[in-house]
Amino acid sequence: MRILIDTHILIWHLEDDLRLSAEHSDLIEDSRNAIYVSVASMWEIAIKASLGKLSLSRSISEIFAEVDSSATSLLAIEPIHTIQVSSLPFHHKDPFDRMIIAQALVEDLSLMSNDVNFVAYGVDLL
């Protein structure tokens, strides 16, 4: 399975947060799955951490290094993703989430998130 993980899932996974379900953790750890992290998630983490809205046990550089050295693939933001964002209805107004939704749709990826609002976009929500 090809899975794009939402920002909060990435944070919970990296921080060993108990809010990450065993099912989600197992999917991330299963080597048969291709796990993707959007550059939008890394950008969101950097912004929220710099504003003091997010505290992490490690630096942004360490998070980037960990994602880079893992089996996780970093998903760049491509022009086609931004075009898809422009056509999304406004069920969700968060720009980072809208980009992640657009990427999942364009790249035909399942999307791992606890945000039930994503269902309205027709993504395969895990």
PDB file of N, CA and C in Angstrom:
ATOM      1  N   MET A   1       0.845  -1.169   0.000  1.00  0.00           N
ATOM      2  CA  MET A   1       0.000   0.000   0.000  1.00  0.00           C
ATOM      3  C   MET A   1       0.898   1.243   0.000  1.00  0.00           C
ATOM      4  N   ARG A   2       0.439   2.271  -0.699  1.00  0.00           N
ATOM      5  CA  ARG A   2       1.151   3.554  -0.753  1.00  0.00           C
ATOM      6  C   ARG A   2       0.388   4.539   0.123  1.00  0.00           C
ATOM      7  N   ILE A   3       1.063   5.053   1.161  1.00  0.00           N
ATOM      8  CA  ILE A   3       0.384   5.834   2.202  1.00  0.00           C
ATOM      9  C   ILE A   3       1.079   7.182   2.407  1.00  0.00           C
ATOM     10  N   LEU A   4       0.295   8.249   2.314  1.00  0.00           N
ATOM     11  CA  LEU A   4       0.751   9.586   2.675  1.00  0.00           C
ATOM     12  C   LEU A   4       0.283   9.839   4.103  1.00  0.00           C
ATOM     13  N   ILE A   5       1.215  10.162   5.001  1.00  0.00           N
ATOM     14  CA  ILE A   5       0.809  10.378   6.387  1.00  0.00           C
ATOM     15  C   ILE A   5       0.651  11.873   6.662  1.00  0.00           C
ATOM     16  N   ASP A   6      -0.421  12.193   7.367  1.00  0.00           N
ATOM     17  CA  ASP A   6      -0.724  13.574   7.732  1.00  0.00           C
ATOM     18  C   ASP A   6       0.288  14.050   8.779  1.00  0.00           C
ATOM     19  N   THR A   7       0.400  15.342   8.929  1.00  0.00           N
ATOM     20  CA  THR A   7       1.391  15.947   9.816  1.00  0.00           C
ATOM     21  C   THR A   7       1.288  15.431  11.247  1.00  0.00           C
ATOM     22  N   HIS A   8       0.087  15.379  11.802  1.00  0.00           N
ATOM     23  CA  HIS A   8      -0.032  14.940  13.199  1.00  0.00           C
ATOM     24  C   HIS A   8       0.365  13.470  13.340  1.00  0.00           C
ATOM     25  N   ILE A   9       0.118  12.663  12.332  1.00  0.00           N
ATOM     26  CA  ILE A   9       0.533  11.257  12.374  1.00  0.00           C
ATOM     27  C   ILE A   9       2.060  11.171  12.386  1.00  0.00           C
ATOM     28  N   LEU A  10       2.710  11.969  11.563  1.00  0.00           N
ATOM     29  CA  LEU A  10       4.176  12.004  11.542  1.00  0.00           C
ATOM     30  C   LEU A  10       4.715  12.396  12.911  1.00  0.00           C
ATOM     31  N   ILE A  11       4.168  13.447  13.491  1.00  0.00           N
ATOM     32  CA  ILE A  11       4.631  13.912  14.807  1.00  0.00           C
ATOM     33  C   ILE A  11       4.419  12.827  15.855  1.00  0.00           C
ATOM     34  N   TRP A  12       3.234  12.245  15.884  1.00  0.00           N
ATOM     35  CA  TRP A  12       2.948  11.195  16.867  1.00  0.00           C
ATOM     36  C   TRP A  12       3.888  10.012  16.692  1.00  0.00           C
ATOM     37  N   HIS A  13       4.172   9.668  15.446  1.00  0.00           N
ATOM     38  CA  HIS A  13       5.082   8.545  15.168  1.00  0.00           C
ATOM     39  C   HIS A  13       6.499   8.864  15.668  1.00  0.00           C
ATOM     40  N   LEU A  14       6.997  10.035  15.337  1.00  0.00           N
ATOM     41  CA  LEU A  14       8.355  10.418  15.723  1.00  0.00           C
ATOM     42  C   LEU A  14       8.500  10.631  17.226  1.00  0.00           C
ATOM     43  N   GLU A  15       7.427  11.070  17.865  1.00  0.00           N
ATOM     44  CA  GLU A  15       7.473  11.368  19.291  1.00  0.00           C
ATOM     45  C   GLU A  15       6.982  10.205  20.156  1.00  0.00           C
ATOM     46  N   ASP A  16       6.705   9.063  19.546  1.00  0.00           N
ATOM     47  CA  ASP A  16       6.170   7.897  20.272  1.00  0.00           C
ATOM     48  C   ASP A  16       4.950   8.286  21.110  1.00  0.00           C
ATOM     49  N   ASP A  17       4.084   9.072  20.505  1.00  0.00           N
ATOM     50  CA  ASP A  17       2.886   9.568  21.174  1.00  0.00           C
ATOM     51  C   ASP A  17       1.826   8.469  21.217  1.00  0.00           C
ATOM     52  N   LEU A  18       1.207   8.296  22.367  1.00  0.00           N
ATOM     53  CA  LEU A  18       0.196   7.258  22.542  1.00  0.00           C
ATOM     54  C   LEU A  18      -1.069   7.502  21.726  1.00  0.00           C
ATOM     55  N   ARG A  19      -1.221   8.700  21.185  1.00  0.00           N
ATOM     56  CA  ARG A  19      -2.396   8.975  20.344  1.00  0.00           C
ATOM     57  C   ARG A  19      -2.313   8.263  18.991  1.00  0.00           C
ATOM     58  N   LEU A  20      -1.112   7.822  18.611  1.00  0.00           N
ATOM     59  CA  LEU A  20      -0.965   7.054  17.376  1.00  0.00           C
ATOM     60  C   LEU A  20      -1.489   5.645  17.628  1.00  0.00           C
ATOM     61  N   SER A  21      -2.511   5.273  16.890  1.00  0.00           N
ATOM     62  CA  SER A  21      -3.113   3.960  17.104  1.00  0.00           C
ATOM     63  C   SER A  21      -2.134   2.843  16.730  1.00  0.00           C
ATOM     64  N   ALA A  22      -2.346   1.691  17.322  1.00  0.00           N
ATOM     65  CA  ALA A  22      -1.519   0.523  17.004  1.00  0.00           C
ATOM     66  C   ALA A  22      -1.662   0.169  15.530  1.00  0.00           C
ATOM     67  N   GLU A  23      -2.877   0.314  15.002  1.00  0.00           N
ATOM     68  CA  GLU A  23      -3.112   0.011  13.584  1.00  0.00           C
ATOM     69  C   GLU A  23      -2.297   0.932  12.689  1.00  0.00           C
ATOM     70  N   HIS A  24      -2.309   2.228  12.978  1.00  0.00           N
ATOM     71  CA  HIS A  24      -1.529   3.176  12.181  1.00  0.00           C
ATOM     72  C   HIS A  24      -0.034   2.904  12.329  1.00  0.00           C
ATOM     73  N   SER A  25       0.402   2.657  13.539  1.00  0.00           N
ATOM     74  CA  SER A  25       1.814   2.361  13.773  1.00  0.00           C
ATOM     75  C   SER A  25       2.254   1.126  12.990  1.00  0.00           C
ATOM     76  N   ASP A  26       1.438   0.098  13.016  1.00  0.00           N
ATOM     77  CA  ASP A  26       1.763  -1.135  12.286  1.00  0.00           C
ATOM     78  C   ASP A  26       1.862  -0.879  10.788  1.00  0.00           C
ATOM     79  N   LEU A  27       0.959  -0.070  10.244  1.00  0.00           N
ATOM     80  CA  LEU A  27       1.006   0.250   8.819  1.00  0.00           C
ATOM     81  C   LEU A  27       2.279   1.015   8.462  1.00  0.00           C
ATOM     82  N   ILE A  28       2.678   1.950   9.311  1.00  0.00           N
ATOM     83  CA  ILE A  28       3.890   2.727   9.067  1.00  0.00           C
ATOM     84  C   ILE A  28       5.122   1.831   9.125  1.00  0.00           C
ATOM     85  N   GLU A  29       5.147   0.928  10.079  1.00  0.00           N
ATOM     86  CA  GLU A  29       6.317   0.059  10.289  1.00  0.00           C
ATOM     87  C   GLU A  29       6.386  -1.118   9.312  1.00  0.00           C
ATOM     88  N   ASP A  30       5.288  -1.427   8.638  1.00  0.00           N
ATOM     89  CA  ASP A  30       5.249  -2.564   7.712  1.00  0.00           C
ATOM     90  C   ASP A  30       6.063  -2.238   6.459  1.00  0.00           C
ATOM     91  N   SER A  31       7.141  -2.958   6.235  1.00  0.00           N
ATOM     92  CA  SER A  31       8.046  -2.675   5.111  1.00  0.00           C
ATOM     93  C   SER A  31       7.394  -2.925   3.746  1.00  0.00           C
ATOM     94  N   ARG A  32       6.263  -3.572   3.721  1.00  0.00           N
ATOM     95  CA  ARG A  32       5.548  -3.771   2.448  1.00  0.00           C
ATOM     96  C   ARG A  32       4.833  -2.502   2.000  1.00  0.00           C
ATOM     97  N   ASN A  33       4.656  -1.538   2.915  1.00  0.00           N
ATOM     98  CA  ASN A  33       3.992  -0.281   2.593  1.00  0.00           C
ATOM     99  C   ASN A  33       5.019   0.779   2.225  1.00  0.00           C
ATOM    100  N   ALA A  34       4.688   1.587   1.238  1.00  0.00           N
ATOM    101  CA  ALA A  34       5.503   2.751   0.880  1.00  0.00           C
ATOM    102  C   ALA A  34       4.905   3.945   1.614  1.00  0.00           C
ATOM    103  N   ILE A  35       5.699   4.532   2.511  1.00  0.00           N
ATOM    104  CA  ILE A  35       5.226   5.642   3.340  1.00  0.00           C
ATOM    105  C   ILE A  35       5.784   6.957   2.789  1.00  0.00           C
ATOM    106  N   TYR A  36       4.898   7.931   2.630  1.00  0.00           N
ATOM    107  CA  TYR A  36       5.270   9.247   2.108  1.00  0.00           C
ATOM    108  C   TYR A  36       4.948  10.325   3.137  1.00  0.00           C
ATOM    109  N   VAL A  37       5.812  11.327   3.179  1.00  0.00           N
ATOM    110  CA  VAL A  37       5.604  12.529   3.994  1.00  0.00           C
ATOM    111  C   VAL A  37       5.692  13.714   3.047  1.00  0.00           C
ATOM    112  N   SER A  38       4.697  14.573   3.100  1.00  0.00           N
ATOM    113  CA  SER A  38       4.679  15.753   2.243  1.00  0.00           C
ATOM    114  C   SER A  38       5.644  16.818   2.756  1.00  0.00           C
ATOM    115  N   VAL A  39       6.258  17.509   1.823  1.00  0.00           N
ATOM    116  CA  VAL A  39       7.052  18.682   2.183  1.00  0.00           C
ATOM    117  C   VAL A  39       6.169  19.675   2.931  1.00  0.00           C
ATOM    118  N   ALA A  40       4.873  19.686   2.633  1.00  0.00           N
ATOM    119  CA  ALA A  40       3.944  20.566   3.347  1.00  0.00           C
ATOM    120  C   ALA A  40       3.920  20.254   4.835  1.00  0.00           C
ATOM    121  N   SER A  41       4.041  18.986   5.200  1.00  0.00           N
ATOM    122  CA  SER A  41       4.081  18.612   6.623  1.00  0.00           C
ATOM    123  C   SER A  41       5.348  19.137   7.287  1.00  0.00           C
ATOM    124  N   MET A  42       6.465  19.014   6.596  1.00  0.00           N
ATOM    125  CA  MET A  42       7.717  19.504   7.163  1.00  0.00           C
ATOM    126  C   MET A  42       7.654  21.025   7.335  1.00  0.00           C
ATOM    127  N   TRP A  43       7.067  21.698   6.373  1.00  0.00           N
ATOM    128  CA  TRP A  43       6.889  23.145   6.420  1.00  0.00           C
ATOM    129  C   TRP A  43       5.972  23.522   7.582  1.00  0.00           C
ATOM    130  N   GLU A  44       4.870  22.792   7.739  1.00  0.00           N
ATOM    131  CA  GLU A  44       3.932  23.051   8.833  1.00  0.00           C
ATOM    132  C   GLU A  44       4.603  22.869  10.189  1.00  0.00           C
ATOM    133  N   ILE A  45       5.375  21.813  10.338  1.00  0.00           N
ATOM    134  CA  ILE A  45       6.085  21.566  11.597  1.00  0.00           C
ATOM    135  C   ILE A  45       7.053  22.708  11.885  1.00  0.00           C
ATOM    136  N   ALA A  46       7.804  23.126  10.881  1.00  0.00           N
ATOM    137  CA  ALA A  46       8.778  24.208  11.057  1.00  0.00           C
ATOM    138  C   ALA A  46       8.087  25.508  11.479  1.00  0.00           C
ATOM    139  N   ILE A  47       6.987  25.837  10.834  1.00  0.00           N
ATOM    140  CA  ILE A  47       6.263  27.073  11.170  1.00  0.00           C
ATOM    141  C   ILE A  47       5.688  27.008  12.577  1.00  0.00           C
ATOM    142  N   LYS A  48       4.993  25.923  12.901  1.00  0.00           N
ATOM    143  CA  LYS A  48       4.354  25.819  14.217  1.00  0.00           C
ATOM    144  C   LYS A  48       5.385  25.763  15.339  1.00  0.00           C
ATOM    145  N   ALA A  49       6.504  25.098  15.106  1.00  0.00           N
ATOM    146  CA  ALA A  49       7.558  25.049  16.127  1.00  0.00           C
ATOM    147  C   ALA A  49       8.164  26.442  16.332  1.00  0.00           C
ATOM    148  N   SER A  50       8.392  27.153  15.244  1.00  0.00           N
ATOM    149  CA  SER A  50       9.007  28.486  15.368  1.00  0.00           C
ATOM    150  C   SER A  50       8.069  29.484  16.029  1.00  0.00           C
ATOM    151  N   LEU A  51       6.753  29.264  15.923  1.00  0.00           N
ATOM    152  CA  LEU A  51       5.770  30.138  16.565  1.00  0.00           C
ATOM    153  C   LEU A  51       5.490  29.737  18.012  1.00  0.00           C
ATOM    154  N   GLY A  52       6.076  28.629  18.444  1.00  0.00           N
ATOM    155  CA  GLY A  52       5.848  28.147  19.798  1.00  0.00           C
ATOM    156  C   GLY A  52       4.524  27.400  19.954  1.00  0.00           C
ATOM    157  N   LYS A  53       3.891  27.031  18.843  1.00  0.00           N
ATOM    158  CA  LYS A  53       2.616  26.308  18.890  1.00  0.00           C
ATOM    159  C   LYS A  53       2.815  24.793  18.913  1.00  0.00           C
ATOM    160  N   LEU A  54       4.068  24.370  18.820  1.00  0.00           N
ATOM    161  CA  LEU A  54       4.379  22.947  18.778  1.00  0.00           C
ATOM    162  C   LEU A  54       5.714  22.744  19.478  1.00  0.00           C
ATOM    163  N   SER A  55       5.718  21.876  20.471  1.00  0.00           N
ATOM    164  CA  SER A  55       6.992  21.565  21.119  1.00  0.00           C
ATOM    165  C   SER A  55       7.337  20.114  20.814  1.00  0.00           C
ATOM    166  N   LEU A  56       8.571  19.918  20.444  1.00  0.00           N
ATOM    167  CA  LEU A  56       9.048  18.606  20.032  1.00  0.00           C
ATOM    168  C   LEU A  56      10.263  18.217  20.868  1.00  0.00           C
ATOM    169  N   SER A  57      10.507  16.926  20.943  1.00  0.00           N
ATOM    170  CA  SER A  57      11.644  16.443  21.722  1.00  0.00           C
ATOM    171  C   SER A  57      12.964  16.564  20.959  1.00  0.00           C
ATOM    172  N   ARG A  58      12.882  16.951  19.708  1.00  0.00           N
ATOM    173  CA  ARG A  58      14.092  17.107  18.894  1.00  0.00           C
ATOM    174  C   ARG A  58      13.951  18.325  17.989  1.00  0.00           C
ATOM    175  N   SER A  59      15.049  18.734  17.411  1.00  0.00           N
ATOM    176  CA  SER A  59      15.039  19.917  16.548  1.00  0.00           C
ATOM    177  C   SER A  59      14.436  19.591  15.189  1.00  0.00           C
ATOM    178  N   ILE A  60      14.078  20.637  14.474  1.00  0.00           N
ATOM    179  CA  ILE A  60      13.554  20.473  13.116  1.00  0.00           C
ATOM    180  C   ILE A  60      14.600  19.776  12.247  1.00  0.00           C
ATOM    181  N   SER A  61      15.852  20.143  12.405  1.00  0.00           N
ATOM    182  CA  SER A  61      16.929  19.504  11.631  1.00  0.00           C
ATOM    183  C   SER A  61      16.993  18.010  11.908  1.00  0.00           C
ATOM    184  N   GLU A  62      16.830  17.633  13.155  1.00  0.00           N
ATOM    185  CA  GLU A  62      16.858  16.214  13.509  1.00  0.00           C
ATOM    186  C   GLU A  62      15.651  15.477  12.913  1.00  0.00           C
ATOM    187  N   ILE A  63      14.511  16.127  12.900  1.00  0.00           N
ATOM    188  CA  ILE A  63      13.324  15.517  12.302  1.00  0.00           C
ATOM    189  C   ILE A  63      13.542  15.310  10.806  1.00  0.00           C
ATOM    190  N   PHE A  64      14.051  16.342  10.129  1.00  0.00           N
ATOM    191  CA  PHE A  64      14.332  16.221   8.700  1.00  0.00           C
ATOM    192  C   PHE A  64      15.319  15.080   8.456  1.00  0.00           C
ATOM    193  N   ALA A  65      16.357  15.008   9.264  1.00  0.00           N
ATOM    194  CA  ALA A  65      17.371  13.958   9.100  1.00  0.00           C
ATOM    195  C   ALA A  65      16.769  12.577   9.314  1.00  0.00           C
ATOM    196  N   GLU A  66      15.908  12.456  10.317  1.00  0.00           N
ATOM    197  CA  GLU A  66      15.284  11.164  10.587  1.00  0.00           C
ATOM    198  C   GLU A  66      14.374  10.730   9.442  1.00  0.00           C
ATOM    199  N   VAL A  67      13.577  11.654   8.925  1.00  0.00           N
ATOM    200  CA  VAL A  67      12.707  11.333   7.792  1.00  0.00           C
ATOM    201  C   VAL A  67      13.564  10.977   6.582  1.00  0.00           C
ATOM    202  N   ASP A  68      14.631  11.737   6.363  1.00  0.00           N
ATOM    203  CA  ASP A  68      15.509  11.517   5.220  1.00  0.00           C
ATOM    204  C   ASP A  68      16.227  10.171   5.291  1.00  0.00           C
ATOM    205  N   SER A  69      16.594   9.742   6.486  1.00  0.00           N
ATOM    206  CA  SER A  69      17.353   8.499   6.627  1.00  0.00           C
ATOM    207  C   SER A  69      16.470   7.264   6.758  1.00  0.00           C
ATOM    208  N   SER A  70      15.167   7.465   6.867  1.00  0.00           N
ATOM    209  CA  SER A  70      14.247   6.331   7.016  1.00  0.00           C
ATOM    210  C   SER A  70      13.800   5.833   5.643  1.00  0.00           C
ATOM    211  N   ALA A  71      12.988   4.816   5.659  1.00  0.00           N
ATOM    212  CA  ALA A  71      12.420   4.283   4.415  1.00  0.00           C
ATOM    213  C   ALA A  71      11.311   5.183   3.886  1.00  0.00           C
ATOM    214  N   THR A  72      10.963   6.212   4.636  1.00  0.00           N
ATOM    215  CA  THR A  72       9.922   7.159   4.235  1.00  0.00           C
ATOM    216  C   THR A  72      10.409   7.996   3.062  1.00  0.00           C
ATOM    217  N   SER A  73       9.525   8.248   2.120  1.00  0.00           N
ATOM    218  CA  SER A  73       9.850   9.100   0.974  1.00  0.00           C
ATOM    219  C   SER A  73       9.253  10.478   1.182  1.00  0.00           C
ATOM    220  N   LEU A  74      10.037  11.490   0.904  1.00  0.00           N
ATOM    221  CA  LEU A  74       9.563  12.866   0.999  1.00  0.00           C
ATOM    222  C   LEU A  74       8.872  13.211  -0.313  1.00  0.00           C
ATOM    223  N   LEU A  75       7.638  13.680  -0.232  1.00  0.00           N
ATOM    224  CA  LEU A  75       6.840  14.009  -1.407  1.00  0.00           C
ATOM    225  C   LEU A  75       6.909  15.512  -1.653  1.00  0.00           C
ATOM    226  N   ALA A  76       7.561  15.885  -2.753  1.00  0.00           N
ATOM    227  CA  ALA A  76       7.705  17.292  -3.119  1.00  0.00           C
ATOM    228  C   ALA A  76       6.355  17.864  -3.550  1.00  0.00           C
ATOM    229  N   ILE A  77       6.242  19.173  -3.459  1.00  0.00           N
ATOM    230  CA  ILE A  77       5.053  19.863  -3.947  1.00  0.00           C
ATOM    231  C   ILE A  77       5.306  20.218  -5.411  1.00  0.00           C
ATOM    232  N   GLU A  78       4.486  19.658  -6.274  1.00  0.00           N
ATOM    233  CA  GLU A  78       4.614  19.859  -7.719  1.00  0.00           C
ATOM    234  C   GLU A  78       3.504  20.782  -8.216  1.00  0.00           C
ATOM    235  N   PRO A  79       3.698  21.407  -9.378  1.00  0.00           N
ATOM    236  CA  PRO A  79       2.652  22.283  -9.910  1.00  0.00           C
ATOM    237  C   PRO A  79       1.283  21.610 -10.006  1.00  0.00           C
ATOM    238  N   ILE A  80       1.228  20.353 -10.373  1.00  0.00           N
ATOM    239  CA  ILE A  80      -0.055  19.651 -10.497  1.00  0.00           C
ATOM    240  C   ILE A  80      -0.772  19.576  -9.146  1.00  0.00           C
ATOM    241  N   HIS A  81      -0.005  19.516  -8.057  1.00  0.00           N
ATOM    242  CA  HIS A  81      -0.610  19.496  -6.719  1.00  0.00           C
ATOM    243  C   HIS A  81      -1.275  20.838  -6.417  1.00  0.00           C
ATOM    244  N   THR A  82      -0.623  21.918  -6.799  1.00  0.00           N
ATOM    245  CA  THR A  82      -1.199  23.247  -6.531  1.00  0.00           C
ATOM    246  C   THR A  82      -2.437  23.487  -7.391  1.00  0.00           C
ATOM    247  N   ILE A  83      -2.426  22.947  -8.600  1.00  0.00           N
ATOM    248  CA  ILE A  83      -3.610  23.051  -9.457  1.00  0.00           C
ATOM    249  C   ILE A  83      -4.767  22.299  -8.810  1.00  0.00           C
ATOM    250  N   GLN A  84      -4.482  21.119  -8.256  1.00  0.00           N
ATOM    251  CA  GLN A  84      -5.529  20.331  -7.586  1.00  0.00           C
ATOM    252  C   GLN A  84      -6.085  21.081  -6.378  1.00  0.00           C
ATOM    253  N   VAL A  85      -5.217  21.749  -5.620  1.00  0.00           N
ATOM    254  CA  VAL A  85      -5.678  22.532  -4.462  1.00  0.00           C
ATOM    255  C   VAL A  85      -6.706  23.568  -4.907  1.00  0.00           C
ATOM    256  N   SER A  86      -6.445  24.203  -6.040  1.00  0.00           N
ATOM    257  CA  SER A  86      -7.354  25.266  -6.496  1.00  0.00           C
ATOM    258  C   SER A  86      -8.744  24.753  -6.849  1.00  0.00           C
ATOM    259  N   SER A  87      -8.855  23.457  -7.103  1.00  0.00           N
ATOM    260  CA  SER A  87     -10.163  22.912  -7.467  1.00  0.00           C
ATOM    261  C   SER A  87     -10.874  22.213  -6.302  1.00  0.00           C
ATOM    262  N   LEU A  88     -10.236  22.167  -5.142  1.00  0.00           N
ATOM    263  CA  LEU A  88     -10.858  21.512  -3.988  1.00  0.00           C
ATOM    264  C   LEU A  88     -11.959  22.389  -3.388  1.00  0.00           C
ATOM    265  N   PRO A  89     -13.083  21.780  -3.014  1.00  0.00           N
ATOM    266  CA  PRO A  89     -14.087  22.550  -2.275  1.00  0.00           C
ATOM    267  C   PRO A  89     -13.543  22.903  -0.892  1.00  0.00           C
ATOM    268  N   PHE A  90     -14.151  23.837  -0.231  1.00  0.00           N
ATOM    269  CA  PHE A  90     -13.643  24.314   1.049  1.00  0.00           C
ATOM    270  C   PHE A  90     -14.284  23.610   2.245  1.00  0.00           C
ATOM    271  N   HIS A  91     -14.229  22.276   2.233  1.00  0.00           N
ATOM    272  CA  HIS A  91     -14.640  21.519   3.417  1.00  0.00           C
ATOM    273  C   HIS A  91     -13.627  21.748   4.537  1.00  0.00           C
ATOM    274  N   HIS A  92     -12.426  22.051   4.121  1.00  0.00           N
ATOM    275  CA  HIS A  92     -11.308  22.219   5.052  1.00  0.00           C
ATOM    276  C   HIS A  92     -10.549  23.456   4.616  1.00  0.00           C
ATOM    277  N   LYS A  93     -10.238  24.342   5.544  1.00  0.00           N
ATOM    278  CA  LYS A  93      -9.601  25.599   5.169  1.00  0.00           C
ATOM    279  C   LYS A  93      -8.095  25.640   5.450  1.00  0.00           C
ATOM    280  N   ASP A  94      -7.585  24.687   6.227  1.00  0.00           N
ATOM    281  CA  ASP A  94      -6.159  24.671   6.555  1.00  0.00           C
ATOM    282  C   ASP A  94      -5.336  24.441   5.282  1.00  0.00           C
ATOM    283  N   PRO A  95      -4.454  25.383   4.928  1.00  0.00           N
ATOM    284  CA  PRO A  95      -3.709  25.255   3.660  1.00  0.00           C
ATOM    285  C   PRO A  95      -2.780  24.037   3.618  1.00  0.00           C
ATOM    286  N   PHE A  96      -2.205  23.652   4.735  1.00  0.00           N
ATOM    287  CA  PHE A  96      -1.330  22.479   4.755  1.00  0.00           C
ATOM    288  C   PHE A  96      -2.150  21.213   4.504  1.00  0.00           C
ATOM    289  N   ASP A  97      -3.282  21.103   5.164  1.00  0.00           N
ATOM    290  CA  ASP A  97      -4.142  19.940   4.963  1.00  0.00           C
ATOM    291  C   ASP A  97      -4.668  19.891   3.536  1.00  0.00           C
ATOM    292  N   ARG A  98      -5.016  21.025   2.986  1.00  0.00           N
ATOM    293  CA  ARG A  98      -5.511  21.057   1.607  1.00  0.00           C
ATOM    294  C   ARG A  98      -4.439  20.572   0.635  1.00  0.00           C
ATOM    295  N   MET A  99      -3.192  20.943   0.870  1.00  0.00           N
ATOM    296  CA  MET A  99      -2.116  20.474   0.005  1.00  0.00           C
ATOM    297  C   MET A  99      -1.927  18.963   0.151  1.00  0.00           C
ATOM    298  N   ILE A 100      -1.964  18.468   1.374  1.00  0.00           N
ATOM    299  CA  ILE A 100      -1.800  17.034   1.605  1.00  0.00           C
ATOM    300  C   ILE A 100      -2.940  16.255   0.941  1.00  0.00           C
ATOM    301  N   ILE A 101      -4.153  16.760   1.033  1.00  0.00           N
ATOM    302  CA  ILE A 101      -5.297  16.130   0.368  1.00  0.00           C
ATOM    303  C   ILE A 101      -5.081  16.119  -1.148  1.00  0.00           C
ATOM    304  N   ALA A 102      -4.677  17.256  -1.695  1.00  0.00           N
ATOM    305  CA  ALA A 102      -4.438  17.349  -3.144  1.00  0.00           C
ATOM    306  C   ALA A 102      -3.368  16.357  -3.585  1.00  0.00           C
ATOM    307  N   GLN A 103      -2.295  16.253  -2.815  1.00  0.00           N
ATOM    308  CA  GLN A 103      -1.234  15.319  -3.170  1.00  0.00           C
ATOM    309  C   GLN A 103      -1.733  13.875  -3.138  1.00  0.00           C
ATOM    310  N   ALA A 104      -2.525  13.533  -2.136  1.00  0.00           N
ATOM    311  CA  ALA A 104      -3.065  12.177  -2.050  1.00  0.00           C
ATOM    312  C   ALA A 104      -3.944  11.873  -3.261  1.00  0.00           C
ATOM    313  N   LEU A 105      -4.756  12.834  -3.659  1.00  0.00           N
ATOM    314  CA  LEU A 105      -5.630  12.635  -4.813  1.00  0.00           C
ATOM    315  C   LEU A 105      -4.838  12.502  -6.109  1.00  0.00           C
ATOM    316  N   VAL A 106      -3.913  13.417  -6.336  1.00  0.00           N
ATOM    317  CA  VAL A 106      -3.129  13.412  -7.579  1.00  0.00           C
ATOM    318  C   VAL A 106      -2.258  12.163  -7.679  1.00  0.00           C
ATOM    319  N   GLU A 107      -1.622  11.793  -6.585  1.00  0.00           N
ATOM    320  CA  GLU A 107      -0.676  10.674  -6.592  1.00  0.00           C
ATOM    321  C   GLU A 107      -1.343   9.330  -6.316  1.00  0.00           C
ATOM    322  N   ASP A 108      -2.651   9.326  -6.120  1.00  0.00           N
ATOM    323  CA  ASP A 108      -3.423   8.120  -5.815  1.00  0.00           C
ATOM    324  C   ASP A 108      -2.843   7.384  -4.603  1.00  0.00           C
ATOM    325  N   LEU A 109      -2.710   8.143  -3.510  1.00  0.00           N
ATOM    326  CA  LEU A 109      -2.168   7.607  -2.260  1.00  0.00           C
ATOM    327  C   LEU A 109      -3.289   7.487  -1.234  1.00  0.00           C
ATOM    328  N   SER A 110      -3.235   6.463  -0.413  1.00  0.00           N
ATOM    329  CA  SER A 110      -4.107   6.420   0.758  1.00  0.00           C
ATOM    330  C   SER A 110      -3.588   7.481   1.714  1.00  0.00           C
ATOM    331  N   LEU A 111      -4.477   8.079   2.480  1.00  0.00           N
ATOM    332  CA  LEU A 111      -4.098   9.154   3.391  1.00  0.00           C
ATOM    333  C   LEU A 111      -4.368   8.726   4.827  1.00  0.00           C
ATOM    334  N   MET A 112      -3.318   8.727   5.637  1.00  0.00           N
ATOM    335  CA  MET A 112      -3.445   8.348   7.041  1.00  0.00           C
ATOM    336  C   MET A 112      -3.602   9.613   7.877  1.00  0.00           C
ATOM    337  N   SER A 113      -4.765   9.750   8.482  1.00  0.00           N
ATOM    338  CA  SER A 113      -5.063  10.921   9.301  1.00  0.00           C
ATOM    339  C   SER A 113      -6.194  10.582  10.258  1.00  0.00           C
ATOM    340  N   ASN A 114      -6.247  11.299  11.356  1.00  0.00           N
ATOM    341  CA  ASN A 114      -7.385  11.205  12.270  1.00  0.00           C
ATOM    342  C   ASN A 114      -8.401  12.305  11.994  1.00  0.00           C
ATOM    343  N   ASP A 115      -8.149  13.117  10.967  1.00  0.00           N
ATOM    344  CA  ASP A 115      -9.043  14.217  10.617  1.00  0.00           C
ATOM    345  C   ASP A 115     -10.179  13.683   9.746  1.00  0.00           C
ATOM    346  N   VAL A 116     -11.353  13.550  10.329  1.00  0.00           N
ATOM    347  CA  VAL A 116     -12.503  12.986   9.615  1.00  0.00           C
ATOM    348  C   VAL A 116     -13.003  13.901   8.495  1.00  0.00           C
ATOM    349  N   ASN A 117     -12.612  15.178   8.506  1.00  0.00           N
ATOM    350  CA  ASN A 117     -13.012  16.104   7.448  1.00  0.00           C
ATOM    351  C   ASN A 117     -12.433  15.699   6.087  1.00  0.00           C
ATOM    352  N   PHE A 118     -11.362  14.911   6.094  1.00  0.00           N
ATOM    353  CA  PHE A 118     -10.724  14.504   4.843  1.00  0.00           C
ATOM    354  C   PHE A 118     -11.634  13.622   3.998  1.00  0.00           C
ATOM    355  N   VAL A 119     -12.549  12.909   4.640  1.00  0.00           N
ATOM    356  CA  VAL A 119     -13.443  11.988   3.931  1.00  0.00           C
ATOM    357  C   VAL A 119     -14.245  12.731   2.860  1.00  0.00           C
ATOM    358  N   ALA A 120     -14.615  13.963   3.131  1.00  0.00           N
ATOM    359  CA  ALA A 120     -15.433  14.754   2.199  1.00  0.00           C
ATOM    360  C   ALA A 120     -14.744  14.971   0.855  1.00  0.00           C
ATOM    361  N   TYR A 121     -13.440  14.758   0.783  1.00  0.00           N
ATOM    362  CA  TYR A 121     -12.693  14.955  -0.439  1.00  0.00           C
ATOM    363  C   TYR A 121     -12.555  13.686  -1.277  1.00  0.00           C
ATOM    364  N   GLY A 122     -13.063  12.578  -0.776  1.00  0.00           N
ATOM    365  CA  GLY A 122     -12.993  11.344  -1.544  1.00  0.00           C
ATOM    366  C   GLY A 122     -11.646  10.645  -1.495  1.00  0.00           C
ATOM    367  N   VAL A 123     -10.813  11.011  -0.533  1.00  0.00           N
ATOM    368  CA  VAL A 123      -9.532  10.316  -0.388  1.00  0.00           C
ATOM    369  C   VAL A 123      -9.762   8.985   0.317  1.00  0.00           C
ATOM    370  N   ASP A 124      -8.851   8.046   0.073  1.00  0.00           N
ATOM    371  CA  ASP A 124      -8.880   6.772   0.790  1.00  0.00           C
ATOM    372  C   ASP A 124      -8.272   7.031   2.164  1.00  0.00           C
ATOM    373  N   LEU A 125      -9.126   7.248   3.148  1.00  0.00           N
ATOM    374  CA  LEU A 125      -8.677   7.633   4.487  1.00  0.00           C
ATOM    375  C   LEU A 125      -8.448   6.401   5.351  1.00  0.00           C
ATOM    376  N   LEU A 126      -7.246   6.322   5.908  1.00  0.00           N
ATOM    377  CA  LEU A 126      -6.893   5.225   6.819  1.00  0.00           C
ATOM    378  C   LEU A 126      -6.978   5.716   8.253  1.00  0.00           C
TER     379      LEU A 126
END
